[in-house]
Amino acid sequence: MQIRKIGSIVLASAFTIFLSTGLAVAQDTAKQDLKAAGTNTKNAAKDTGHAVSTGSKKAYHKTANGTRTATDKTVNGTKTVGKDIGHGTKVAAKDTAHGTKKVGDKIAGKPTPQ
């Protein structure tokens, strides 16, 4: 019987040591998993922040270029319209002067040139 008791004690001791080692390994693995999850979350946040920053900069530069282009076209269009209005005003003034002269000549009784 003594051998059975010793065998049981040895078996129980071995079983206890095996279980306690398994729990310690499981705890280390859980800590490592949590640490890895925290690191992955931190890296994902950094990557997201970088992507947002890059996208914002690109959008800003495209908006700035679009604004410059629109401004340049507006300036050129305004110059063209101004020139056209100036030319139209000169032509209208000449036509008005010529018409006024014709009316004046008719009133004065001068013959119309052909």
N, C-alpha and C. Protein backbone atom coordinates (compact mmCIF):
# COMPACT_ATOMS: atom_id res chain seq x y z
N MET A 1 0.78 -1.18 0.00
CA MET A 1 0.00 0.00 0.00
C MET A 1 0.84 1.27 0.00
N GLN A 2 1.93 1.15 0.61
CA GLN A 2 2.78 2.33 0.68
C GLN A 2 3.22 2.75 -0.71
N ILE A 3 3.47 1.82 -1.54
CA ILE A 3 3.91 2.15 -2.90
C ILE A 3 2.78 2.85 -3.64
N ARG A 4 1.58 2.37 -3.39
CA ARG A 4 0.43 3.05 -4.03
C ARG A 4 0.31 4.48 -3.54
N LYS A 5 0.51 4.70 -2.28
CA LYS A 5 0.43 6.06 -1.74
C LYS A 5 1.53 6.92 -2.34
N ILE A 6 2.72 6.41 -2.40
CA ILE A 6 3.83 7.18 -2.96
C ILE A 6 3.58 7.43 -4.45
N GLY A 7 3.10 6.43 -5.14
CA GLY A 7 2.79 6.59 -6.56
C GLY A 7 1.70 7.62 -6.78
N SER A 8 0.71 7.60 -5.91
CA SER A 8 -0.37 8.58 -6.02
C SER A 8 0.15 9.98 -5.73
N ILE A 9 1.02 10.09 -4.74
CA ILE A 9 1.58 11.40 -4.41
C ILE A 9 2.45 11.91 -5.56
N VAL A 10 3.26 11.05 -6.12
CA VAL A 10 4.11 11.43 -7.26
C VAL A 10 3.24 11.83 -8.44
N LEU A 11 2.22 11.05 -8.71
CA LEU A 11 1.33 11.36 -9.83
C LEU A 11 0.60 12.68 -9.59
N ALA A 12 0.12 12.88 -8.38
CA ALA A 12 -0.58 14.13 -8.04
C ALA A 12 0.38 15.32 -8.14
N SER A 13 1.62 15.13 -7.67
CA SER A 13 2.62 16.20 -7.75
C SER A 13 2.93 16.54 -9.20
N ALA A 14 3.12 15.52 -10.01
CA ALA A 14 3.42 15.74 -11.43
C ALA A 14 2.25 16.45 -12.12
N PHE A 15 1.06 16.01 -11.79
CA PHE A 15 -0.14 16.63 -12.37
C PHE A 15 -0.25 18.10 -11.96
N THR A 16 0.03 18.37 -10.69
CA THR A 16 -0.03 19.74 -10.17
C THR A 16 1.02 20.61 -10.85
N ILE A 17 2.23 20.11 -10.98
CA ILE A 17 3.31 20.88 -11.64
C ILE A 17 2.94 21.13 -13.10
N PHE A 18 2.42 20.12 -13.76
CA PHE A 18 2.03 20.28 -15.17
C PHE A 18 0.96 21.35 -15.34
N LEU A 19 -0.05 21.32 -14.48
CA LEU A 19 -1.13 22.29 -14.57
C LEU A 19 -0.65 23.70 -14.24
N SER A 20 0.19 23.85 -13.23
CA SER A 20 0.67 25.19 -12.86
C SER A 20 1.57 25.75 -13.96
N THR A 21 2.35 24.91 -14.61
CA THR A 21 3.19 25.36 -15.72
C THR A 21 2.31 25.78 -16.89
N GLY A 22 1.28 25.00 -17.14
CA GLY A 22 0.35 25.33 -18.23
C GLY A 22 -0.35 26.66 -17.98
N LEU A 23 -0.75 26.91 -16.75
CA LEU A 23 -1.39 28.19 -16.42
C LEU A 23 -0.42 29.35 -16.58
N ALA A 24 0.81 29.17 -16.18
CA ALA A 24 1.81 30.24 -16.32
C ALA A 24 2.04 30.54 -17.79
N VAL A 25 2.13 29.52 -18.61
CA VAL A 25 2.32 29.72 -20.05
C VAL A 25 1.10 30.41 -20.63
N ALA A 26 -0.09 30.00 -20.21
CA ALA A 26 -1.31 30.61 -20.71
C ALA A 26 -1.38 32.08 -20.32
N GLN A 27 -0.93 32.41 -19.11
CA GLN A 27 -0.95 33.81 -18.69
C GLN A 27 0.04 34.62 -19.51
N ASP A 28 1.22 34.08 -19.77
CA ASP A 28 2.21 34.79 -20.59
C ASP A 28 1.69 35.00 -22.01
N THR A 29 1.04 34.00 -22.54
CA THR A 29 0.49 34.11 -23.89
C THR A 29 -0.59 35.17 -23.94
N ALA A 30 -1.44 35.23 -22.92
CA ALA A 30 -2.49 36.25 -22.87
C ALA A 30 -1.88 37.64 -22.79
N LYS A 31 -0.83 37.80 -21.97
CA LYS A 31 -0.17 39.10 -21.86
C LYS A 31 0.45 39.49 -23.20
N GLN A 32 1.08 38.52 -23.85
CA GLN A 32 1.69 38.80 -25.16
C GLN A 32 0.63 39.17 -26.19
N ASP A 33 -0.50 38.47 -26.14
CA ASP A 33 -1.59 38.77 -27.07
C ASP A 33 -2.12 40.19 -26.86
N LEU A 34 -2.30 40.57 -25.59
CA LEU A 34 -2.79 41.92 -25.30
C LEU A 34 -1.78 42.97 -25.74
N LYS A 35 -0.50 42.69 -25.48
CA LYS A 35 0.54 43.64 -25.89
C LYS A 35 0.57 43.77 -27.41
N ALA A 36 0.48 42.65 -28.11
CA ALA A 36 0.47 42.68 -29.58
C ALA A 36 -0.76 43.42 -30.10
N ALA A 37 -1.90 43.22 -29.46
CA ALA A 37 -3.12 43.90 -29.89
C ALA A 37 -2.98 45.41 -29.70
N GLY A 38 -2.38 45.81 -28.57
CA GLY A 38 -2.16 47.24 -28.32
C GLY A 38 -1.22 47.84 -29.35
N THR A 39 -0.15 47.12 -29.68
CA THR A 39 0.81 47.60 -30.68
C THR A 39 0.15 47.70 -32.05
N ASN A 40 -0.63 46.70 -32.40
CA ASN A 40 -1.33 46.73 -33.70
C ASN A 40 -2.30 47.90 -33.78
N THR A 41 -3.00 48.16 -32.69
CA THR A 41 -3.95 49.29 -32.66
C THR A 41 -3.20 50.61 -32.82
N LYS A 42 -2.08 50.75 -32.12
CA LYS A 42 -1.28 51.97 -32.21
C LYS A 42 -0.79 52.18 -33.65
N ASN A 43 -0.28 51.11 -34.26
CA ASN A 43 0.22 51.22 -35.64
C ASN A 43 -0.90 51.56 -36.62
N ALA A 44 -2.07 50.97 -36.41
CA ALA A 44 -3.21 51.27 -37.29
C ALA A 44 -3.63 52.73 -37.15
N ALA A 45 -3.61 53.25 -35.92
CA ALA A 45 -3.96 54.66 -35.71
C ALA A 45 -2.96 55.58 -36.40
N LYS A 46 -1.68 55.24 -36.31
CA LYS A 46 -0.65 56.04 -36.98
C LYS A 46 -0.86 56.03 -38.50
N ASP A 47 -1.09 54.84 -39.05
CA ASP A 47 -1.30 54.72 -40.49
C ASP A 47 -2.52 55.52 -40.94
N THR A 48 -3.59 55.45 -40.16
CA THR A 48 -4.81 56.19 -40.50
C THR A 48 -4.55 57.69 -40.46
N GLY A 49 -3.86 58.14 -39.42
CA GLY A 49 -3.54 59.57 -39.31
C GLY A 49 -2.69 60.04 -40.47
N HIS A 50 -1.73 59.22 -40.87
CA HIS A 50 -0.87 59.58 -42.01
C HIS A 50 -1.69 59.65 -43.30
N ALA A 51 -2.57 58.70 -43.50
CA ALA A 51 -3.40 58.69 -44.71
C ALA A 51 -4.32 59.91 -44.76
N VAL A 52 -4.91 60.26 -43.63
CA VAL A 52 -5.79 61.44 -43.57
C VAL A 52 -4.99 62.71 -43.86
N SER A 53 -3.80 62.79 -43.29
CA SER A 53 -2.95 63.97 -43.51
C SER A 53 -2.58 64.10 -44.98
N THR A 54 -2.18 63.00 -45.59
CA THR A 54 -1.80 63.02 -47.00
C THR A 54 -2.99 63.41 -47.88
N GLY A 55 -4.15 62.82 -47.60
CA GLY A 55 -5.36 63.14 -48.38
C GLY A 55 -5.76 64.59 -48.23
N SER A 56 -5.64 65.12 -47.02
CA SER A 56 -6.00 66.52 -46.79
C SER A 56 -5.07 67.45 -47.54
N LYS A 57 -3.78 67.14 -47.54
CA LYS A 57 -2.81 67.98 -48.26
C LYS A 57 -3.08 67.96 -49.75
N LYS A 58 -3.36 66.78 -50.29
CA LYS A 58 -3.65 66.68 -51.73
C LYS A 58 -4.90 67.48 -52.09
N ALA A 59 -5.93 67.35 -51.27
CA ALA A 59 -7.17 68.09 -51.54
C ALA A 59 -6.93 69.59 -51.47
N TYR A 60 -6.14 70.04 -50.50
CA TYR A 60 -5.83 71.47 -50.36
C TYR A 60 -5.12 71.98 -51.61
N HIS A 61 -4.10 71.23 -52.06
CA HIS A 61 -3.33 71.68 -53.22
C HIS A 61 -4.19 71.69 -54.49
N LYS A 62 -5.05 70.70 -54.65
CA LYS A 62 -5.93 70.69 -55.82
C LYS A 62 -6.89 71.87 -55.78
N THR A 63 -7.44 72.17 -54.60
CA THR A 63 -8.34 73.32 -54.45
C THR A 63 -7.61 74.61 -54.77
N ALA A 64 -6.35 74.73 -54.26
CA ALA A 64 -5.57 75.95 -54.52
C ALA A 64 -5.28 76.11 -56.01
N ASN A 65 -4.93 75.02 -56.67
CA ASN A 65 -4.67 75.09 -58.11
C ASN A 65 -5.94 75.44 -58.88
N GLY A 66 -7.06 74.86 -58.49
CA GLY A 66 -8.33 75.16 -59.14
C GLY A 66 -8.71 76.62 -58.96
N THR A 67 -8.45 77.15 -57.78
CA THR A 67 -8.77 78.56 -57.52
C THR A 67 -7.89 79.46 -58.38
N ARG A 68 -6.60 79.13 -58.48
CA ARG A 68 -5.70 79.93 -59.33
C ARG A 68 -6.15 79.89 -60.79
N THR A 69 -6.51 78.72 -61.27
CA THR A 69 -6.96 78.59 -62.66
C THR A 69 -8.22 79.41 -62.89
N ALA A 70 -9.16 79.31 -61.97
CA ALA A 70 -10.41 80.07 -62.11
C ALA A 70 -10.13 81.57 -62.08
N THR A 71 -9.23 81.99 -61.22
CA THR A 71 -8.88 83.42 -61.14
C THR A 71 -8.27 83.89 -62.44
N ASP A 72 -7.32 83.09 -62.97
CA ASP A 72 -6.67 83.47 -64.23
C ASP A 72 -7.69 83.57 -65.37
N LYS A 73 -8.58 82.61 -65.45
CA LYS A 73 -9.59 82.64 -66.52
C LYS A 73 -10.53 83.82 -66.36
N THR A 74 -10.88 84.14 -65.12
CA THR A 74 -11.75 85.29 -64.87
C THR A 74 -11.06 86.58 -65.30
N VAL A 75 -9.78 86.71 -64.98
CA VAL A 75 -9.03 87.91 -65.37
C VAL A 75 -8.95 88.01 -66.89
N ASN A 76 -8.64 86.91 -67.54
CA ASN A 76 -8.54 86.93 -69.02
C ASN A 76 -9.90 87.23 -69.65
N GLY A 77 -10.94 86.62 -69.11
CA GLY A 77 -12.29 86.87 -69.64
C GLY A 77 -12.69 88.33 -69.45
N THR A 78 -12.35 88.89 -68.32
CA THR A 78 -12.69 90.29 -68.05
C THR A 78 -11.95 91.22 -69.02
N LYS A 79 -10.68 90.91 -69.29
CA LYS A 79 -9.91 91.72 -70.24
C LYS A 79 -10.54 91.65 -71.63
N THR A 80 -10.90 90.44 -72.04
CA THR A 80 -11.50 90.26 -73.37
C THR A 80 -12.82 91.02 -73.47
N VAL A 81 -13.64 90.89 -72.48
CA VAL A 81 -14.93 91.59 -72.48
C VAL A 81 -14.71 93.10 -72.48
N GLY A 82 -13.74 93.55 -71.71
CA GLY A 82 -13.44 94.98 -71.68
C GLY A 82 -13.00 95.50 -73.04
N LYS A 83 -12.17 94.74 -73.72
CA LYS A 83 -11.72 95.13 -75.07
C LYS A 83 -12.90 95.16 -76.04
N ASP A 84 -13.74 94.14 -75.96
CA ASP A 84 -14.90 94.07 -76.85
C ASP A 84 -15.85 95.24 -76.60
N ILE A 85 -16.08 95.54 -75.32
CA ILE A 85 -16.97 96.67 -74.99
C ILE A 85 -16.38 97.99 -75.49
N GLY A 86 -15.05 98.14 -75.31
CA GLY A 86 -14.38 99.36 -75.79
C GLY A 86 -14.50 99.50 -77.29
N HIS A 87 -14.29 98.41 -78.00
CA HIS A 87 -14.40 98.45 -79.47
C HIS A 87 -15.84 98.76 -79.89
N GLY A 88 -16.80 98.10 -79.24
CA GLY A 88 -18.20 98.34 -79.57
C GLY A 88 -18.61 99.78 -79.30
N THR A 89 -18.08 100.34 -78.23
CA THR A 89 -18.39 101.74 -77.90
C THR A 89 -17.83 102.68 -78.97
N LYS A 90 -16.59 102.42 -79.44
CA LYS A 90 -15.99 103.26 -80.50
C LYS A 90 -16.81 103.19 -81.79
N VAL A 91 -17.19 101.97 -82.16
CA VAL A 91 -17.97 101.80 -83.39
C VAL A 91 -19.31 102.52 -83.26
N ALA A 92 -19.97 102.36 -82.12
CA ALA A 92 -21.26 103.02 -81.91
C ALA A 92 -21.11 104.53 -81.94
N ALA A 93 -20.03 105.04 -81.35
CA ALA A 93 -19.81 106.49 -81.35
C ALA A 93 -19.59 107.01 -82.77
N LYS A 94 -18.83 106.28 -83.57
CA LYS A 94 -18.58 106.69 -84.97
C LYS A 94 -19.89 106.66 -85.76
N ASP A 95 -20.67 105.57 -85.58
CA ASP A 95 -21.94 105.47 -86.30
C ASP A 95 -22.89 106.60 -85.89
N THR A 96 -22.91 106.90 -84.61
CA THR A 96 -23.77 107.98 -84.13
C THR A 96 -23.32 109.32 -84.72
N ALA A 97 -22.02 109.55 -84.75
CA ALA A 97 -21.50 110.80 -85.31
C ALA A 97 -21.82 110.88 -86.80
N HIS A 98 -21.65 109.78 -87.50
CA HIS A 98 -21.94 109.76 -88.94
C HIS A 98 -23.43 110.00 -89.19
N GLY A 99 -24.28 109.34 -88.39
CA GLY A 99 -25.73 109.53 -88.53
C GLY A 99 -26.13 110.96 -88.23
N THR A 100 -25.53 111.51 -87.20
CA THR A 100 -25.84 112.89 -86.83
C THR A 100 -25.43 113.84 -87.96
N LYS A 101 -24.29 113.58 -88.59
CA LYS A 101 -23.81 114.42 -89.68
C LYS A 101 -24.78 114.34 -90.88
N LYS A 102 -25.27 113.10 -91.16
CA LYS A 102 -26.21 112.92 -92.27
C LYS A 102 -27.49 113.72 -92.02
N VAL A 103 -28.00 113.62 -90.78
CA VAL A 103 -29.22 114.35 -90.45
C VAL A 103 -28.98 115.85 -90.56
N GLY A 104 -27.81 116.29 -90.10
CA GLY A 104 -27.46 117.71 -90.20
C GLY A 104 -27.37 118.16 -91.65
N ASP A 105 -26.79 117.32 -92.51
CA ASP A 105 -26.68 117.66 -93.93
C ASP A 105 -28.07 117.73 -94.58
N LYS A 106 -28.96 116.83 -94.22
CA LYS A 106 -30.31 116.85 -94.78
C LYS A 106 -31.02 118.13 -94.37
N ILE A 107 -30.85 118.48 -93.12
CA ILE A 107 -31.50 119.70 -92.63
C ILE A 107 -30.92 120.91 -93.37
N ALA A 108 -29.62 120.88 -93.61
CA ALA A 108 -28.98 122.01 -94.28
C ALA A 108 -29.25 122.00 -95.77
N GLY A 109 -29.74 120.87 -96.29
CA GLY A 109 -30.08 120.78 -97.70
C GLY A 109 -28.92 120.34 -98.58
N LYS A 110 -27.89 119.77 -98.00
CA LYS A 110 -26.75 119.28 -98.77
C LYS A 110 -27.15 117.96 -99.43
N PRO A 111 -26.63 117.69 -100.63
CA PRO A 111 -26.95 116.42 -101.29
C PRO A 111 -26.20 115.25 -100.59
N THR A 112 -26.81 114.06 -100.67
CA THR A 112 -26.21 112.87 -100.05
C THR A 112 -25.10 112.34 -100.96
N PRO A 113 -23.87 112.13 -100.41
CA PRO A 113 -22.80 111.60 -101.26
C PRO A 113 -23.06 110.12 -101.60
N GLN A 114 -22.65 109.77 -102.82
CA GLN A 114 -22.90 108.39 -103.25
C GLN A 114 -21.68 107.62 -103.25
